[in-house]
Amino acid sequence: GADTIGVAVGKVVDTYKMGKHLDITITDTSL
């Protein structure tokens, strides 16, 4: 699920403040 995956990604993507340097594509079944 895109929303559930997005929540999981959001918890870790800014741990080291590097989200600005990454392209992240999320679908219901892929990341």
All heavy atoms as atom14 arrays in JSON, in Angstrom:
{
  "sequence": "GADTIGVAVGKVVDTYKMGKHLDITITDTSL",
  "atom14_mask": [
    [1, 1, 1, 1, 0, 0, 0, 0, 0, 0, 0, 0, 0, 0],
    [1, 1, 1, 1, 1, 0, 0, 0, 0, 0, 0, 0, 0, 0],
    [1, 1, 1, 1, 1, 1, 1, 1, 0, 0, 0, 0, 0, 0],
    [1, 1, 1, 1, 1, 1, 1, 0, 0, 0, 0, 0, 0, 0],
    [1, 1, 1, 1, 1, 1, 1, 1, 0, 0, 0, 0, 0, 0],
    [1, 1, 1, 1, 0, 0, 0, 0, 0, 0, 0, 0, 0, 0],
    [1, 1, 1, 1, 1, 1, 1, 0, 0, 0, 0, 0, 0, 0],
    [1, 1, 1, 1, 1, 0, 0, 0, 0, 0, 0, 0, 0, 0],
    [1, 1, 1, 1, 1, 1, 1, 0, 0, 0, 0, 0, 0, 0],
    [1, 1, 1, 1, 0, 0, 0, 0, 0, 0, 0, 0, 0, 0],
    [1, 1, 1, 1, 1, 1, 1, 1, 1, 0, 0, 0, 0, 0],
    [1, 1, 1, 1, 1, 1, 1, 0, 0, 0, 0, 0, 0, 0],
    [1, 1, 1, 1, 1, 1, 1, 0, 0, 0, 0, 0, 0, 0],
    [1, 1, 1, 1, 1, 1, 1, 1, 0, 0, 0, 0, 0, 0],
    [1, 1, 1, 1, 1, 1, 1, 0, 0, 0, 0, 0, 0, 0],
    [1, 1, 1, 1, 1, 1, 1, 1, 1, 1, 1, 1, 0, 0],
    [1, 1, 1, 1, 1, 1, 1, 1, 1, 0, 0, 0, 0, 0],
    [1, 1, 1, 1, 1, 1, 1, 1, 0, 0, 0, 0, 0, 0],
    [1, 1, 1, 1, 0, 0, 0, 0, 0, 0, 0, 0, 0, 0],
    [1, 1, 1, 1, 1, 1, 1, 1, 1, 0, 0, 0, 0, 0],
    [1, 1, 1, 1, 1, 1, 1, 1, 1, 1, 0, 0, 0, 0],
    [1, 1, 1, 1, 1, 1, 1, 1, 0, 0, 0, 0, 0, 0],
    [1, 1, 1, 1, 1, 1, 1, 1, 0, 0, 0, 0, 0, 0],
    [1, 1, 1, 1, 1, 1, 1, 1, 0, 0, 0, 0, 0, 0],
    [1, 1, 1, 1, 1, 1, 1, 0, 0, 0, 0, 0, 0, 0],
    [1, 1, 1, 1, 1, 1, 1, 1, 0, 0, 0, 0, 0, 0],
    [1, 1, 1, 1, 1, 1, 1, 0, 0, 0, 0, 0, 0, 0],
    [1, 1, 1, 1, 1, 1, 1, 1, 0, 0, 0, 0, 0, 0],
    [1, 1, 1, 1, 1, 1, 1, 0, 0, 0, 0, 0, 0, 0],
    [1, 1, 1, 1, 1, 1, 0, 0, 0, 0, 0, 0, 0, 0],
    [1, 1, 1, 1, 1, 1, 1, 1, 0, 0, 0, 0, 0, 0]
  ],
  "atom14_positions": [
    [[0.83, -1.2, 0.0], [0.0, 0.0, 0.0], [0.86, 1.24, 0.0], [1.77, 1.39, 0.83], [0.0, 0.0, 0.0], [0.0, 0.0, 0.0], [0.0, 0.0, 0.0], [0.0, 0.0, 0.0], [0.0, 0.0, 0.0], [0.0, 0.0, 0.0], [0.0, 0.0, 0.0], [0.0, 0.0, 0.0], [0.0, 0.0, 0.0], [0.0, 0.0, 0.0]],
    [[0.58, 2.15, -0.95], [1.42, 3.34, -1.11], [1.46, 4.18, 0.16], [2.52, 4.67, 0.56], [0.92, 4.17, -2.29], [0.0, 0.0, 0.0], [0.0, 0.0, 0.0], [0.0, 0.0, 0.0], [0.0, 0.0, 0.0], [0.0, 0.0, 0.0], [0.0, 0.0, 0.0], [0.0, 0.0, 0.0], [0.0, 0.0, 0.0], [0.0, 0.0, 0.0]],
    [[0.29, 4.33, 0.81], [0.26, 5.14, 2.03], [1.08, 4.51, 3.15], [1.84, 5.18, 3.86], [-1.18, 5.34, 2.49], [-1.98, 6.21, 1.53], [-1.35, 6.92, 0.72], [-3.22, 6.18, 1.61], [0.0, 0.0, 0.0], [0.0, 0.0, 0.0], [0.0, 0.0, 0.0], [0.0, 0.0, 0.0], [0.0, 0.0, 0.0], [0.0, 0.0, 0.0]],
    [[0.95, 3.22, 3.33], [1.68, 2.52, 4.39], [3.18, 2.55, 4.13], [3.98, 2.76, 5.05], [1.19, 1.07, 4.5], [-0.22, 1.06, 4.68], [1.85, 0.36, 5.67], [0.0, 0.0, 0.0], [0.0, 0.0, 0.0], [0.0, 0.0, 0.0], [0.0, 0.0, 0.0], [0.0, 0.0, 0.0], [0.0, 0.0, 0.0], [0.0, 0.0, 0.0]],
    [[3.53, 2.31, 2.86], [4.96, 2.37, 2.51], [5.5, 3.77, 2.73], [6.62, 3.97, 3.24], [5.17, 1.92, 1.05], [4.76, 0.46, 0.86], [6.63, 2.11, 0.64], [4.75, 0.01, -0.58], [0.0, 0.0, 0.0], [0.0, 0.0, 0.0], [0.0, 0.0, 0.0], [0.0, 0.0, 0.0], [0.0, 0.0, 0.0], [0.0, 0.0, 0.0]],
    [[4.7, 4.77, 2.37], [5.13, 6.16, 2.54], [5.39, 6.51, 3.99], [6.34, 7.23, 4.31], [0.0, 0.0, 0.0], [0.0, 0.0, 0.0], [0.0, 0.0, 0.0], [0.0, 0.0, 0.0], [0.0, 0.0, 0.0], [0.0, 0.0, 0.0], [0.0, 0.0, 0.0], [0.0, 0.0, 0.0], [0.0, 0.0, 0.0], [0.0, 0.0, 0.0]],
    [[4.55, 6.0, 4.88], [4.76, 6.24, 6.31], [6.08, 5.63, 6.77], [6.86, 6.24, 7.51], [3.58, 5.67, 7.13], [3.9, 5.72, 8.62], [2.31, 6.46, 6.85], [0.0, 0.0, 0.0], [0.0, 0.0, 0.0], [0.0, 0.0, 0.0], [0.0, 0.0, 0.0], [0.0, 0.0, 0.0], [0.0, 0.0, 0.0], [0.0, 0.0, 0.0]],
    [[6.36, 4.41, 6.33], [7.61, 3.74, 6.71], [8.82, 4.48, 6.16], [9.84, 4.63, 6.86], [7.59, 2.3, 6.2], [0.0, 0.0, 0.0], [0.0, 0.0, 0.0], [0.0, 0.0, 0.0], [0.0, 0.0, 0.0], [0.0, 0.0, 0.0], [0.0, 0.0, 0.0], [0.0, 0.0, 0.0], [0.0, 0.0, 0.0], [0.0, 0.0, 0.0]],
    [[8.7, 4.96, 4.92], [9.8, 5.72, 4.32], [10.01, 7.03, 5.07], [11.14, 7.45, 5.36], [9.53, 5.97, 2.83], [10.53, 6.99, 2.27], [9.59, 4.68, 2.04], [0.0, 0.0, 0.0], [0.0, 0.0, 0.0], [0.0, 0.0, 0.0], [0.0, 0.0, 0.0], [0.0, 0.0, 0.0], [0.0, 0.0, 0.0], [0.0, 0.0, 0.0]],
    [[8.9, 7.68, 5.43], [9.01, 8.97, 6.11], [9.7, 8.89, 7.46], [10.33, 9.85, 7.91], [0.0, 0.0, 0.0], [0.0, 0.0, 0.0], [0.0, 0.0, 0.0], [0.0, 0.0, 0.0], [0.0, 0.0, 0.0], [0.0, 0.0, 0.0], [0.0, 0.0, 0.0], [0.0, 0.0, 0.0], [0.0, 0.0, 0.0], [0.0, 0.0, 0.0]],
    [[9.61, 7.71, 8.09], [10.24, 7.56, 9.4], [11.76, 7.5, 9.32], [12.45, 7.76, 10.31], [9.72, 6.29, 10.08], [8.26, 6.38, 10.53], [7.82, 5.09, 11.2], [6.38, 5.17, 11.68], [5.93, 3.91, 12.31], [0.0, 0.0, 0.0], [0.0, 0.0, 0.0], [0.0, 0.0, 0.0], [0.0, 0.0, 0.0], [0.0, 0.0, 0.0]],
    [[12.29, 7.13, 8.15], [13.73, 6.93, 8.05], [14.42, 7.89, 7.09], [15.64, 8.09, 7.19], [14.06, 5.49, 7.63], [13.49, 4.5, 8.63], [13.53, 5.18, 6.24], [0.0, 0.0, 0.0], [0.0, 0.0, 0.0], [0.0, 0.0, 0.0], [0.0, 0.0, 0.0], [0.0, 0.0, 0.0], [0.0, 0.0, 0.0], [0.0, 0.0, 0.0]],
    [[13.66, 8.5, 6.16], [14.32, 9.21, 5.07], [15.09, 10.44, 5.54], [16.11, 10.81, 4.94], [13.29, 9.6, 3.98], [12.37, 10.71, 4.5], [13.98, 10.05, 2.7], [0.0, 0.0, 0.0], [0.0, 0.0, 0.0], [0.0, 0.0, 0.0], [0.0, 0.0, 0.0], [0.0, 0.0, 0.0], [0.0, 0.0, 0.0], [0.0, 0.0, 0.0]],
    [[14.61, 11.09, 6.61], [15.3, 12.29, 7.1], [16.12, 12.04, 8.35], [16.51, 12.98, 9.05], [14.29, 13.41, 7.36], [13.99, 14.21, 6.1], [14.8, 14.15, 5.16], [12.92, 14.85, 6.04], [0.0, 0.0, 0.0], [0.0, 0.0, 0.0], [0.0, 0.0, 0.0], [0.0, 0.0, 0.0], [0.0, 0.0, 0.0], [0.0, 0.0, 0.0]],
    [[16.4, 10.78, 8.65], [17.23, 10.48, 9.81], [18.57, 11.18, 9.72], [19.08, 11.74, 10.7], [17.45, 8.96, 9.93], [16.2, 8.31, 10.05], [18.32, 8.63, 11.14], [0.0, 0.0, 0.0], [0.0, 0.0, 0.0], [0.0, 0.0, 0.0], [0.0, 0.0, 0.0], [0.0, 0.0, 0.0], [0.0, 0.0, 0.0], [0.0, 0.0, 0.0]],
    [[19.17, 11.19, 8.55], [20.45, 11.85, 8.32], [20.33, 13.07, 7.42], [21.33, 13.54, 6.87], [21.45, 10.85, 7.72], [21.68, 9.63, 8.58], [21.24, 8.37, 8.16], [22.29, 9.74, 9.82], [21.44, 7.25, 8.96], [22.49, 8.63, 10.61], [22.06, 7.39, 10.18], [22.25, 6.28, 10.98], [0.0, 0.0, 0.0], [0.0, 0.0, 0.0]],
    [[19.09, 13.57, 7.24], [18.83, 14.79, 6.46], [19.35, 14.69, 5.03], [19.83, 15.67, 4.47], [19.47, 16.0, 7.15], [19.14, 16.15, 8.62], [17.66, 16.28, 8.86], [17.34, 16.44, 10.33], [15.88, 16.47, 10.61], [0.0, 0.0, 0.0], [0.0, 0.0, 0.0], [0.0, 0.0, 0.0], [0.0, 0.0, 0.0], [0.0, 0.0, 0.0]],
    [[19.21, 13.51, 4.43], [19.68, 13.31, 3.06], [18.54, 13.11, 2.07], [18.77, 12.78, 0.91], [20.62, 12.08, 3.01], [21.97, 12.3, 3.66], [23.04, 13.39, 2.7], [23.08, 14.84, 3.73], [0.0, 0.0, 0.0], [0.0, 0.0, 0.0], [0.0, 0.0, 0.0], [0.0, 0.0, 0.0], [0.0, 0.0, 0.0], [0.0, 0.0, 0.0]],
    [[17.3, 13.29, 2.51], [16.16, 13.1, 1.62], [16.2, 14.0, 0.4], [15.71, 13.64, -0.67], [0.0, 0.0, 0.0], [0.0, 0.0, 0.0], [0.0, 0.0, 0.0], [0.0, 0.0, 0.0], [0.0, 0.0, 0.0], [0.0, 0.0, 0.0], [0.0, 0.0, 0.0], [0.0, 0.0, 0.0], [0.0, 0.0, 0.0], [0.0, 0.0, 0.0]],
    [[16.81, 15.19, 0.54], [16.88, 16.13, -0.58], [17.7, 15.6, -1.74], [17.57, 16.07, -2.87], [17.47, 17.45, -0.09], [18.9, 17.31, 0.46], [19.43, 18.63, 1.0], [20.83, 18.44, 1.6], [21.37, 19.71, 2.11], [0.0, 0.0, 0.0], [0.0, 0.0, 0.0], [0.0, 0.0, 0.0], [0.0, 0.0, 0.0], [0.0, 0.0, 0.0]],
    [[18.57, 14.62, -1.48], [19.44, 14.09, -2.53], [18.92, 12.78, -3.14], [19.64, 12.13, -3.89], [20.84, 13.84, -1.97], [21.58, 15.1, -1.63], [21.56, 16.22, -2.42], [22.36, 15.42, -0.56], [22.3, 17.17, -1.88], [22.78, 16.71, -0.74], [0.0, 0.0, 0.0], [0.0, 0.0, 0.0], [0.0, 0.0, 0.0], [0.0, 0.0, 0.0]],
    [[17.68, 12.4, -2.81], [17.16, 11.12, -3.27], [15.84, 11.3, -3.99], [14.99, 12.1, -3.6], [16.96, 10.16, -2.08], [18.21, 9.79, -1.28], [17.81, 9.0, -0.05], [19.2, 9.01, -2.12], [0.0, 0.0, 0.0], [0.0, 0.0, 0.0], [0.0, 0.0, 0.0], [0.0, 0.0, 0.0], [0.0, 0.0, 0.0], [0.0, 0.0, 0.0]],
    [[15.66, 10.54, -5.09], [14.36, 10.41, -5.76], [13.72, 9.12, -5.27], [14.3, 8.04, -5.41], [14.55, 10.36, -7.28], [14.64, 11.76, -7.89], [13.91, 12.65, -7.42], [15.45, 11.94, -8.82], [0.0, 0.0, 0.0], [0.0, 0.0, 0.0], [0.0, 0.0, 0.0], [0.0, 0.0, 0.0], [0.0, 0.0, 0.0], [0.0, 0.0, 0.0]],
    [[12.54, 9.25, -4.7], [11.85, 8.09, -4.12], [10.51, 7.92, -4.82], [9.68, 8.84, -4.82], [11.65, 8.26, -2.61], [13.01, 8.44, -1.91], [10.91, 7.07, -2.02], [12.91, 8.74, -0.43], [0.0, 0.0, 0.0], [0.0, 0.0, 0.0], [0.0, 0.0, 0.0], [0.0, 0.0, 0.0], [0.0, 0.0, 0.0], [0.0, 0.0, 0.0]],
    [[10.32, 6.77, -5.42], [9.07, 6.45, -6.13], [8.35, 5.33, -5.38], [8.93, 4.27, -5.14], [9.35, 6.03, -7.57], [10.1, 7.06, -8.23], [8.05, 5.79, -8.33], [0.0, 0.0, 0.0], [0.0, 0.0, 0.0], [0.0, 0.0, 0.0], [0.0, 0.0, 0.0], [0.0, 0.0, 0.0], [0.0, 0.0, 0.0], [0.0, 0.0, 0.0]],
    [[7.1, 5.58, -5.04], [6.32, 4.63, -4.25], [5.04, 4.27, -4.99], [4.31, 5.14, -5.48], [5.97, 5.22, -2.87], [7.24, 5.59, -2.08], [5.14, 4.23, -2.05], [6.97, 6.32, -0.78], [0.0, 0.0, 0.0], [0.0, 0.0, 0.0], [0.0, 0.0, 0.0], [0.0, 0.0, 0.0], [0.0, 0.0, 0.0], [0.0, 0.0, 0.0]],
    [[4.78, 2.99, -5.09], [3.49, 2.48, -5.56], [2.93, 1.56, -4.49], [3.55, 1.37, -3.43], [3.63, 1.73, -6.9], [4.34, 0.5, -6.67], [4.37, 2.58, -7.94], [0.0, 0.0, 0.0], [0.0, 0.0, 0.0], [0.0, 0.0, 0.0], [0.0, 0.0, 0.0], [0.0, 0.0, 0.0], [0.0, 0.0, 0.0], [0.0, 0.0, 0.0]],
    [[1.78, 0.94, -4.8], [1.19, 0.04, -3.81], [2.04, -1.2, -3.57], [1.93, -1.84, -2.51], [-0.21, -0.4, -4.27], [-1.23, 0.72, -4.11], [-0.98, 1.63, -3.3], [-2.28, 0.68, -4.79], [0.0, 0.0, 0.0], [0.0, 0.0, 0.0], [0.0, 0.0, 0.0], [0.0, 0.0, 0.0], [0.0, 0.0, 0.0], [0.0, 0.0, 0.0]],
    [[2.87, -1.54, -4.56], [3.64, -2.79, -4.44], [5.14, -2.61, -4.65], [5.87, -3.61, -4.73], [3.12, -3.82, -5.46], [3.22, -3.26, -6.78], [1.67, -4.19, -5.17], [0.0, 0.0, 0.0], [0.0, 0.0, 0.0], [0.0, 0.0, 0.0], [0.0, 0.0, 0.0], [0.0, 0.0, 0.0], [0.0, 0.0, 0.0], [0.0, 0.0, 0.0]],
    [[5.61, -1.35, -4.75], [7.04, -1.18, -5.05], [7.59, 0.09, -4.4], [6.84, 1.03, -4.08], [7.28, -1.11, -6.56], [6.68, 0.05, -7.1], [0.0, 0.0, 0.0], [0.0, 0.0, 0.0], [0.0, 0.0, 0.0], [0.0, 0.0, 0.0], [0.0, 0.0, 0.0], [0.0, 0.0, 0.0], [0.0, 0.0, 0.0], [0.0, 0.0, 0.0]],
    [[8.89, 0.07, -4.21], [9.64, 1.23, -3.69], [10.97, 1.31, -4.42], [11.73, 0.35, -4.42], [9.87, 1.09, -2.18], [10.82, 2.11, -1.53], [10.28, 3.51, -1.66], [11.08, 1.75, -0.06], [0.0, 0.0, 0.0], [0.0, 0.0, 0.0], [0.0, 0.0, 0.0], [0.0, 0.0, 0.0], [0.0, 0.0, 0.0], [0.0, 0.0, 0.0]]
  ]
}
